[in-house]
C-alpha atoms as a PDB file:
ATOM      1  CA  MET A   1      26.917 -63.864-204.633  1.00  0.00           C
ATOM      2  CA  ASN A   2      25.494 -61.476-202.044  1.00  0.00           C
ATOM      3  CA  LYS A   3      27.032 -57.398-202.662  1.00  0.00           C
ATOM      4  CA  ILE A   4      28.207 -56.442-199.525  1.00  0.00           C
ATOM      5  CA  ASN A   5      28.843 -51.900-198.909  1.00  0.00           C
ATOM      6  CA  TRP A   6      32.714 -51.719-198.132  1.00  0.00           C
ATOM      7  CA  ASP A   7      32.175 -48.376-197.997  1.00  0.00           C
ATOM      8  CA  LYS A   8      30.776 -49.110-194.648  1.00  0.00           C
ATOM      9  CA  THR A   9      32.447 -52.651-193.674  1.00  0.00           C
ATOM     10  CA  ILE A  10      35.083 -53.601-192.753  1.00  0.00           C
ATOM     11  CA  ALA A  11      35.247 -57.549-192.485  1.00  0.00           C
ATOM     12  CA  ALA A  12      33.094 -60.058-193.600  1.00  0.00           C
ATOM     13  CA  SER A  13      32.565 -63.563-193.704  1.00  0.00           C
ATOM     14  CA  TRP A  14      31.540 -66.537-195.535  1.00  0.00           C
ATOM     15  CA  ARG A  15      27.610 -68.226-194.497  1.00  0.00           C
ATOM     16  CA  THR A  16      28.659 -71.860-195.309  1.00  0.00           C
ATOM     17  CA  ARG A  17      25.199 -73.005-195.460  1.00  0.00           C
ATOM     18  CA  GLN A  18      24.086 -69.226-197.250  1.00  0.00           C
ATOM     19  CA  GLU A  19      26.627 -69.617-199.462  1.00  0.00           C
ATOM     20  CA  LYS A  20      27.171 -65.944-199.153  1.00  0.00           C
ATOM     21  CA  LEU A  21      29.240 -63.625-197.022  1.00  0.00           C
ATOM     22  CA  LYS A  22      28.150 -61.750-194.858  1.00  0.00           C
ATOM     23  CA  ALA A  23      29.000 -58.246-193.257  1.00  0.00           C
ATOM     24  CA  VAL A  24      30.007 -58.698-190.087  1.00  0.00           C
ATOM     25  CA  ASP A  25      29.051 -55.673-188.077  1.00  0.00           C
ATOM     26  CA  ASP A  26      30.213 -56.061-185.174  1.00  0.00           C
ATOM     27  CA  VAL A  27      33.800 -56.725-185.071  1.00  0.00           C
ATOM     28  CA  ASP A  28      36.420 -58.433-182.421  1.00  0.00           C
ATOM     29  CA  LEU A  29      39.090 -55.654-183.588  1.00  0.00           C
ATOM     30  CA  LEU A  30      42.339 -55.817-181.413  1.00  0.00           C
ATOM     31  CA  GLU A  31      44.700 -53.169-180.378  1.00  0.00           C
ATOM     32  CA  LEU A  32      48.703 -53.993-181.657  1.00  0.00           C
ATOM     33  CA  ASP A  33      50.422 -52.446-178.971  1.00  0.00           C
ATOM     34  CA  LYS A  34      48.207 -55.059-176.663  1.00  0.00           C
ATOM     35  CA  LEU A  35      49.726 -58.490-177.889  1.00  0.00           C
ATOM     36  CA  LEU A  36      53.229 -58.541-176.545  1.00  0.00           C
ATOM     37  CA  CYS A  37      55.860 -61.837-176.322  1.00  0.00           C
ATOM     38  CA  ILE A  38      55.315 -61.412-180.711  1.00  0.00           C
ATOM     39  CA  ASP A  39      57.575 -58.214-181.235  1.00  0.00           C
ATOM     40  CA  ARG A  40      59.312 -60.560-184.300  1.00  0.00           C
ATOM     41  CA  GLN A  41      56.507 -61.916-185.346  1.00  0.00           C
ATOM     42  CA  LYS A  42      54.504 -58.600-185.524  1.00  0.00           C
ATOM     43  CA  LYS A  43      57.360 -56.193-187.274  1.00  0.00           C
ATOM     44  CA  ALA A  44      57.821 -58.447-190.177  1.00  0.00           C
ATOM     45  CA  PHE A  45      53.587 -58.628-190.440  1.00  0.00           C
ATOM     46  CA  ILE A  46      53.130 -55.347-190.029  1.00  0.00           C
ATOM     47  CA  GLY A  47      55.788 -54.530-192.811  1.00  0.00           C
ATOM     48  CA  ASN A  48      54.364 -57.052-195.059  1.00  0.00           C
ATOM     49  CA  ILE A  49      51.491 -55.374-194.518  1.00  0.00           C
ATOM     50  CA  GLU A  50      52.302 -51.993-195.046  1.00  0.00           C
ATOM     51  CA  ASN A  51      53.637 -52.372-197.994  1.00  0.00           C
ATOM     52  CA  PHE A  52      50.716 -54.768-199.504  1.00  0.00           C
ATOM     53  CA  LEU A  53      49.398 -51.318-198.523  1.00  0.00           C
ATOM     54  CA  ALA A  54      50.967 -49.484-200.953  1.00  0.00           C
ATOM     55  CA  GLY A  55      51.267 -51.583-203.939  1.00  0.00           C
ATOM     56  CA  LYS A  56      54.488 -52.453-202.893  1.00  0.00           C
ATOM     57  CA  PRO A  57      55.994 -56.491-203.715  1.00  0.00           C
ATOM     58  CA  THR A  58      54.167 -58.316-200.621  1.00  0.00           C
ATOM     59  CA  ASN A  59      54.239 -62.873-199.956  1.00  0.00           C
ATOM     60  CA  HIS A  60      50.906 -64.066-198.363  1.00  0.00           C
ATOM     61  CA  ILE A  61      51.616 -64.876-195.096  1.00  0.00           C
ATOM     62  CA  LEU A  62      51.096 -68.127-193.395  1.00  0.00           C
ATOM     63  CA  LEU A  63      51.217 -68.189-189.190  1.00  0.00           C
ATOM     64  CA  TRP A  64      51.649 -70.867-187.830  1.00  0.00           C
ATOM     65  CA  GLY A  65      52.194 -72.401-184.252  1.00  0.00           C
ATOM     66  CA  ALA A  66      51.919 -73.340-180.860  1.00  0.00           C
ATOM     67  CA  ARG A  67      47.621 -72.567-180.338  1.00  0.00           C
ATOM     68  CA  GLY A  68      46.728 -69.118-178.473  1.00  0.00           C
ATOM     69  CA  THR A  69      50.210 -66.886-178.969  1.00  0.00           C
ATOM     70  CA  GLY A  70      48.869 -64.370-181.280  1.00  0.00           C
ATOM     71  CA  LYS A  71      48.300 -65.692-184.831  1.00  0.00           C
ATOM     72  CA  SER A  72      44.566 -64.524-185.406  1.00  0.00           C
ATOM     73  CA  SER A  73      44.846 -61.778-183.135  1.00  0.00           C
ATOM     74  CA  LEU A  74      47.697 -60.466-185.693  1.00  0.00           C
ATOM     75  CA  VAL A  75      44.697 -60.371-188.234  1.00  0.00           C
ATOM     76  CA  LYS A  76      42.521 -58.624-185.906  1.00  0.00           C
ATOM     77  CA  ALA A  77      45.258 -56.714-184.685  1.00  0.00           C
ATOM     78  CA  ALA A  78      45.522 -55.328-188.031  1.00  0.00           C
ATOM     79  CA  LEU A  79      42.318 -54.544-189.624  1.00  0.00           C
ATOM     80  CA  ASN A  80      42.538 -52.062-186.073  1.00  0.00           C
ATOM     81  CA  GLU A  81      45.158 -50.231-187.324  1.00  0.00           C
ATOM     82  CA  TYR A  82      44.383 -50.105-191.388  1.00  0.00           C
ATOM     83  CA  HIS A  83      41.005 -50.064-192.169  1.00  0.00           C
ATOM     84  CA  LYS A  84      41.172 -46.514-192.652  1.00  0.00           C
ATOM     85  CA  ARG A  85      43.031 -46.970-195.391  1.00  0.00           C
ATOM     86  CA  LYS A  86      40.678 -49.281-196.670  1.00  0.00           C
ATOM     87  CA  LEU A  87      41.871 -52.381-195.954  1.00  0.00           C
ATOM     88  CA  ARG A  88      39.239 -54.448-195.638  1.00  0.00           C
ATOM     89  CA  VAL A  89      38.845 -58.069-193.844  1.00  0.00           C
ATOM     90  CA  ILE A  90      37.085 -61.918-196.052  1.00  0.00           C
ATOM     91  CA  GLU A  91      38.012 -64.639-193.399  1.00  0.00           C
ATOM     92  CA  ILE A  92      36.570 -67.851-194.917  1.00  0.00           C
ATOM     93  CA  PRO A  93      35.952 -71.664-193.388  1.00  0.00           C
ATOM     94  CA  LYS A  94      39.051 -74.219-194.774  1.00  0.00           C
ATOM     95  CA  ASP A  95      36.044 -76.529-195.732  1.00  0.00           C
ATOM     96  CA  ASP A  96      34.719 -73.966-197.867  1.00  0.00           C
ATOM     97  CA  LEU A  97      37.682 -72.677-199.732  1.00  0.00           C
ATOM     98  CA  ARG A  98      36.557 -74.044-203.310  1.00  0.00           C
ATOM     99  CA  TRP A  99      34.257 -70.508-202.931  1.00  0.00           C
ATOM    100  CA  LEU A 100      37.909 -68.976-203.353  1.00  0.00           C
ATOM    101  CA  ILE A 101      37.507 -67.890-206.603  1.00  0.00           C
ATOM    102  CA  GLU A 102      34.624 -66.770-206.929  1.00  0.00           C
ATOM    103  CA  ILE A 103      35.167 -63.861-204.012  1.00  0.00           C
ATOM    104  CA  THR A 104      38.631 -62.557-205.221  1.00  0.00           C
ATOM    105  CA  ASP A 105      36.321 -62.099-209.105  1.00  0.00           C
ATOM    106  CA  GLU A 106      33.991 -60.468-206.900  1.00  0.00           C
ATOM    107  CA  ILE A 107      36.453 -57.693-205.553  1.00  0.00           C
ATOM    108  CA  ARG A 108      39.535 -57.696-207.723  1.00  0.00           C
ATOM    109  CA  LYS A 109      38.260 -54.643-209.156  1.00  0.00           C
ATOM    110  CA  LEU A 110      36.995 -52.658-206.420  1.00  0.00           C
ATOM    111  CA  ASP A 111      39.354 -50.384-205.013  1.00  0.00           C
ATOM    112  CA  TYR A 112      40.331 -51.808-200.989  1.00  0.00           C
ATOM    113  CA  ARG A 113      42.988 -54.413-199.817  1.00  0.00           C
ATOM    114  CA  PHE A 114      41.982 -57.798-198.952  1.00  0.00           C
ATOM    115  CA  ILE A 115      42.962 -59.997-196.606  1.00  0.00           C
ATOM    116  CA  ILE A 116      41.760 -63.855-197.481  1.00  0.00           C
ATOM    117  CA  PHE A 117      41.575 -65.263-193.605  1.00  0.00           C
ATOM    118  CA  CYS A 118      41.527 -68.817-193.577  1.00  0.00           C
ATOM    119  CA  ASP A 119      41.466 -69.727-189.189  1.00  0.00           C
ATOM    120  CA  ASP A 120      42.969 -72.899-188.004  1.00  0.00           C
ATOM    121  CA  LEU A 121      44.054 -73.717-192.092  1.00  0.00           C
ATOM    122  CA  SER A 122      44.869 -77.817-191.846  1.00  0.00           C
ATOM    123  CA  PHE A 123      44.102 -81.017-194.787  1.00  0.00           C
ATOM    124  CA  GLU A 124      43.662 -84.077-193.678  1.00  0.00           C
ATOM    125  CA  GLU A 125      45.080 -87.663-195.628  1.00  0.00           C
ATOM    126  CA  GLY A 126      43.110 -87.679-198.805  1.00  0.00           C
ATOM    127  CA  GLU A 127      40.933 -83.866-199.105  1.00  0.00           C
ATOM    128  CA  THR A 128      41.710 -82.076-202.197  1.00  0.00           C
ATOM    129  CA  THR A 129      40.198 -78.336-200.709  1.00  0.00           C
ATOM    130  CA  TYR A 130      43.250 -76.724-200.687  1.00  0.00           C
ATOM    131  CA  LYS A 131      44.263 -77.007-204.875  1.00  0.00           C
ATOM    132  CA  GLU A 132      41.747 -74.107-204.984  1.00  0.00           C
ATOM    133  CA  LEU A 133      43.619 -71.952-202.732  1.00  0.00           C
ATOM    134  CA  LYS A 134      46.967 -72.986-204.122  1.00  0.00           C
ATOM    135  CA  SER A 135      45.467 -71.314-207.558  1.00  0.00           C
ATOM    136  CA  THR A 136      44.230 -68.293-205.905  1.00  0.00           C
ATOM    137  CA  LEU A 137      48.090 -67.802-204.332  1.00  0.00           C
ATOM    138  CA  GLN A 138      49.769 -68.594-207.332  1.00  0.00           C
ATOM    139  CA  GLY A 139      47.646 -68.025-209.828  1.00  0.00           C
ATOM    140  CA  SER A 140      46.671 -70.273-212.888  1.00  0.00           C
ATOM    141  CA  ILE A 141      46.673 -69.112-216.293  1.00  0.00           C
ATOM    142  CA  GLU A 142      44.456 -65.790-215.032  1.00  0.00           C
ATOM    143  CA  LYS A 143      46.759 -63.521-213.016  1.00  0.00           C
ATOM    144  CA  PRO A 144      46.347 -63.381-209.380  1.00  0.00           C
ATOM    145  CA  PRO A 145      44.100 -60.437-207.823  1.00  0.00           C
ATOM    146  CA  GLU A 146      46.658 -57.443-206.411  1.00  0.00           C
ATOM    147  CA  ASN A 147      44.072 -56.192-204.109  1.00  0.00           C
ATOM    148  CA  VAL A 148      44.315 -59.943-202.776  1.00  0.00           C
ATOM    149  CA  LEU A 149      46.270 -60.563-199.619  1.00  0.00           C
ATOM    150  CA  ILE A 150      45.859 -64.355-198.458  1.00  0.00           C
ATOM    151  CA  ILE A 151      47.172 -64.632-194.493  1.00  0.00           C
ATOM    152  CA  ALA A 152      46.462 -68.050-192.945  1.00  0.00           C
ATOM    153  CA  THR A 153      46.601 -69.756-189.268  1.00  0.00           C
ATOM    154  CA  SER A 154      47.913 -73.348-188.855  1.00  0.00           C
ATOM    155  CA  ASN A 155      49.337 -76.024-186.309  1.00  0.00           C
ATOM    156  CA  ARG A 156      50.988 -77.376-188.604  1.00  0.00           C
ATOM    157  CA  ARG A 157      54.061 -75.778-191.230  1.00  0.00           C
ATOM    158  CA  HIS A 158      53.284 -78.064-193.290  1.00  0.00           C
ATOM    159  CA  LEU A 159      49.953 -78.172-193.404  1.00  0.00           C
ATOM    160  CA  ILE A 160      49.384 -80.798-194.765  1.00  0.00           C
ATOM    161  CA  PRO A 161      50.257 -84.027-193.078  1.00  0.00           C
ATOM    162  CA  GLU A 162      53.443 -85.609-193.479  1.00  0.00           C
ATOM    163  CA  LYS A 163      54.402 -89.113-193.078  1.00  0.00           C
ATOM    164  CA  MET A 164      57.126 -91.923-193.090  1.00  0.00           C
ATOM    165  CA  SER A 165      56.515 -93.691-195.350  1.00  0.00           C
ATOM    166  CA  ASP A 166      56.333 -90.643-197.824  1.00  0.00           C
ATOM    167  CA  ASN A 167      59.866 -90.887-197.630  1.00  0.00           C
ATOM    168  CA  GLU A 168      60.546 -94.022-198.463  1.00  0.00           C
ATOM    169  CA  GLN A 169      62.040 -94.915-201.437  1.00  0.00           C
ATOM    170  CA  SER A 170      59.635 -97.526-202.534  1.00  0.00           C
ATOM    171  CA  SER A 171      56.427 -97.910-203.574  1.00  0.00           C
ATOM    172  CA  LEU A 172      52.920 -95.875-201.042  1.00  0.00           C
ATOM    173  CA  ASN A 173      50.254 -96.533-202.087  1.00  0.00           C
ATOM    174  CA  GLY A 174      50.691 -98.506-205.568  1.00  0.00           C
ATOM    175  CA  GLU A 175      52.754 -95.101-206.188  1.00  0.00           C
ATOM    176  CA  ILE A 176      56.080 -95.857-207.437  1.00  0.00           C
ATOM    177  CA  HIS A 177      57.724 -92.110-206.826  1.00  0.00           C
ATOM    178  CA  ALA A 178      57.127 -91.024-204.096  1.00  0.00           C
ATOM    179  CA  ALA A 179      59.435 -87.969-204.153  1.00  0.00           C
ATOM    180  CA  ASP A 180      56.449 -87.030-206.363  1.00  0.00           C
ATOM    181  CA  THR A 181      54.460 -86.860-203.405  1.00  0.00           C
ATOM    182  CA  VAL A 182      55.870 -84.873-200.458  1.00  0.00           C
ATOM    183  CA  GLN A 183      56.883 -81.736-203.468  1.00  0.00           C
ATOM    184  CA  GLU A 184      52.940 -81.979-204.075  1.00  0.00           C
ATOM    185  CA  LYS A 185      52.093 -82.185-200.178  1.00  0.00           C
ATOM    186  CA  MET A 186      54.993 -79.075-199.452  1.00  0.00           C
ATOM    187  CA  SER A 187      53.249 -77.141-202.451  1.00  0.00           C
ATOM    188  CA  LEU A 188      51.008 -75.453-201.009  1.00  0.00           C
ATOM    189  CA  ALA A 189      53.129 -74.095-197.629  1.00  0.00           C
ATOM    190  CA  ASP A 190      55.670 -73.524-200.225  1.00  0.00           C
ATOM    191  CA  ARG A 191      52.874 -70.627-201.766  1.00  0.00           C
ATOM    192  CA  PHE A 192      52.558 -68.482-198.431  1.00  0.00           C
ATOM    193  CA  GLY A 193      56.221 -65.846-199.767  1.00  0.00           C
ATOM    194  CA  MET A 194      55.898 -65.355-195.535  1.00  0.00           C
ATOM    195  CA  SER A 195      56.239 -67.702-192.860  1.00  0.00           C
ATOM    196  CA  LEU A 196      55.939 -66.348-189.747  1.00  0.00           C
ATOM    197  CA  SER A 197      56.379 -69.426-186.680  1.00  0.00           C
ATOM    198  CA  PHE A 198      54.329 -69.137-182.839  1.00  0.00           C
ATOM    199  CA  TYR A 199      56.902 -70.844-180.242  1.00  0.00           C
ATOM    200  CA  PRO A 200      55.287 -72.194-176.340  1.00  0.00           C
ATOM    201  CA  MET A 201      55.463 -69.056-174.441  1.00  0.00           C
ATOM    202  CA  THR A 202      58.328 -69.017-171.700  1.00  0.00           C
ATOM    203  CA  GLN A 203      57.125 -68.364-168.333  1.00  0.00           C
ATOM    204  CA  ASP A 204      58.011 -64.750-167.543  1.00  0.00           C
ATOM    205  CA  GLU A 205      55.842 -64.087-171.541  1.00  0.00           C
ATOM    206  CA  TYR A 206      53.378 -65.464-170.038  1.00  0.00           C
ATOM    207  CA  LEU A 207      52.938 -63.969-166.941  1.00  0.00           C
ATOM    208  CA  SER A 208      54.042 -60.490-168.846  1.00  0.00           C
ATOM    209  CA  ILE A 209      51.087 -60.329-170.231  1.00  0.00           C
ATOM    210  CA  VAL A 210      48.555 -61.690-167.213  1.00  0.00           C
ATOM    211  CA  ASP A 211      50.309 -57.767-165.801  1.00  0.00           C
ATOM    212  CA  MET A 212      49.111 -56.241-168.281  1.00  0.00           C
ATOM    213  CA  LEU A 213      45.545 -57.563-168.256  1.00  0.00           C
ATOM    214  CA  PHE A 214      45.837 -56.646-164.431  1.00  0.00           C
ATOM    215  CA  ALA A 215      47.024 -53.400-164.814  1.00  0.00           C
ATOM    216  CA  GLU A 216      43.746 -51.587-163.059  1.00  0.00           C
ATOM    217  CA  GLU A 217      43.824 -54.801-159.957  1.00  0.00           C
ATOM    218  CA  LEU A 218      47.110 -54.228-159.759  1.00  0.00           C
ATOM    219  CA  LYS A 219      47.680 -50.170-159.233  1.00  0.00           C
ATOM    220  CA  ASN A 220      47.371 -50.760-155.412  1.00  0.00           C
ATOM    221  CA  LYS A 221      48.006 -53.957-154.356  1.00  0.00           C
ATOM    222  CA  SER A 222      51.185 -54.895-152.410  1.00  0.00           C
ATOM    223  CA  THR A 223      54.065 -56.785-152.835  1.00  0.00           C
ATOM    224  CA  GLU A 224      53.050 -60.400-151.911  1.00  0.00           C
ATOM    225  CA  GLU A 225      48.788 -59.811-153.717  1.00  0.00           C
ATOM    226  CA  HIS A 226      50.863 -59.133-156.572  1.00  0.00           C
ATOM    227  CA  ALA A 227      52.826 -62.475-156.150  1.00  0.00           C
ATOM    228  CA  HIS A 228      49.790 -64.482-155.314  1.00  0.00           C
ATOM    229  CA  ILE A 229      48.012 -63.565-158.340  1.00  0.00           C
ATOM    230  CA  HIS A 230      51.712 -64.629-160.503  1.00  0.00           C
ATOM    231  CA  ILE A 231      50.768 -67.922-158.892  1.00  0.00           C
ATOM    232  CA  LEU A 232      48.190 -68.539-159.469  1.00  0.00           C
ATOM    233  CA  ALA A 233      47.791 -68.156-162.613  1.00  0.00           C
ATOM    234  CA  ALA A 234      50.053 -70.033-163.296  1.00  0.00           C
ATOM    235  CA  ARG A 235      48.769 -73.051-161.272  1.00  0.00           C
ATOM    236  CA  PHE A 236      45.253 -71.944-164.012  1.00  0.00           C
ATOM    237  CA  ALA A 237      48.159 -72.785-166.510  1.00  0.00           C
ATOM    238  CA  GLY A 238      49.870 -75.725-165.674  1.00  0.00           C
ATOM    239  CA  GLU A 239      45.906 -77.230-165.669  1.00  0.00           C
ATOM    240  CA  ARG A 240      45.470 -76.441-168.990  1.00  0.00           C
ATOM    241  CA  GLY A 241      48.902 -77.681-169.829  1.00  0.00           C
ATOM    242  CA  SER A 242      50.195 -73.950-171.505  1.00  0.00           C
ATOM    243  CA  ARG A 243      50.013 -71.294-171.935  1.00  0.00           C
ATOM    244  CA  SER A 244      49.711 -68.525-174.125  1.00  0.00           C
ATOM    245  CA  GLY A 245      47.799 -64.990-174.318  1.00  0.00           C
ATOM    246  CA  ARG A 246      44.912 -67.321-175.182  1.00  0.00           C
ATOM    247  CA  ILE A 247      44.957 -68.917-171.387  1.00  0.00           C
ATOM    248  CA  ALA A 248      45.993 -65.724-169.470  1.00  0.00           C
ATOM    249  CA  GLN A 249      42.395 -64.064-171.184  1.00  0.00           C
ATOM    250  CA  GLN A 250      41.245 -67.076-169.782  1.00  0.00           C
ATOM    251  CA  PHE A 251      42.865 -66.521-166.172  1.00  0.00           C
ATOM    252  CA  TYR A 252      41.563 -63.151-165.842  1.00  0.00           C
ATOM    253  CA  ASN A 253      37.800 -63.857-166.772  1.00  0.00           C
ATOM    254  CA  ALA A 254      38.307 -66.264-164.780  1.00  0.00           C
ATOM    255  CA  TYR A 255      38.431 -63.486-162.568  1.00  0.00           C
ATOM    256  CA  SER A 256      36.742 -61.050-163.643  1.00  0.00           C
ATOM    257  CA  ILE A 257      33.576 -63.704-163.066  1.00  0.00           C
ATOM    258  CA  ASP A 258      34.571 -63.997-159.183  1.00  0.00           C
ATOM    259  CA  ASN A 259      36.613 -61.485-157.406  1.00  0.00           C
ATOM    260  CA  SER A 260      37.268 -64.313-155.091  1.00  0.00           C
ATOM    261  CA  PHE A 261      39.266 -66.627-157.510  1.00  0.00           C
ATOM    262  CA  CYS A 262      41.881 -64.703-156.382  1.00  0.00           C
ATOM    263  CA  LYS A 263      42.092 -64.254-152.602  1.00  0.00           C
ATOM    264  CA  ARG A 264      42.771 -69.013-152.541  1.00  0.00           C
ATOM    265  CA  LYS A 265      45.182 -69.742-150.308  1.00  0.00           C
ATOM    266  CA  ILE A 266      48.029 -71.275-151.347  1.00  0.00           C
ATOM    267  CA  ASP A 267      48.364 -74.444-150.775  1.00  0.00           C
END
């Protein structure tokens, strides 16, 4: 495994084909103040990060729920806010979690605080790589590294699919104690001491993000022009079947690509 110069590098990602960490030169950093409509989640998340940086008791974090609502953005914003306090981020794909122990072995004695970040984490029936993650989260015979915090995002609360048959008091695929199967599936999510839920945005929340993105454009706009942008933004979200910060950004990008986009007539 190649060595990263963490004095000059604030983030790295695992490269599957090369089986090594690669320093990220152009980090996608975000400002905490720009993350709207997730104040509850942001407060709990940042409190946990502050404890982690101070060496106080900390919980691993699972951010789960609706897509595009700011789960991954919280990690990027934390790195932007705290990298000067020696916070570093290592991103690893779900399929490479088997390398997790080797990665933590390399960094556990370094004078930095590391977030190991796994985005869009979920496991299908029959996958077993989650067992590597369970060991790192809670440890085995070796104590977990004190300078490592695991953060994962997922659309699933329990990470592993659950079936009604799991709860049936009968044989499941030949297994007599079906309740044990349920416990096995639940145990991974239980190892994240902090579980923060994210829900689909309301129309008002979505439009507040649109207003933030369009702040410069709206300075000299009339009330009617402002309302026109809101109508088009709502229509844009409706065509995609959801409202989120990601959809608001895509709407803004569409406007930036073609200014005539927001001059369309309302039918």
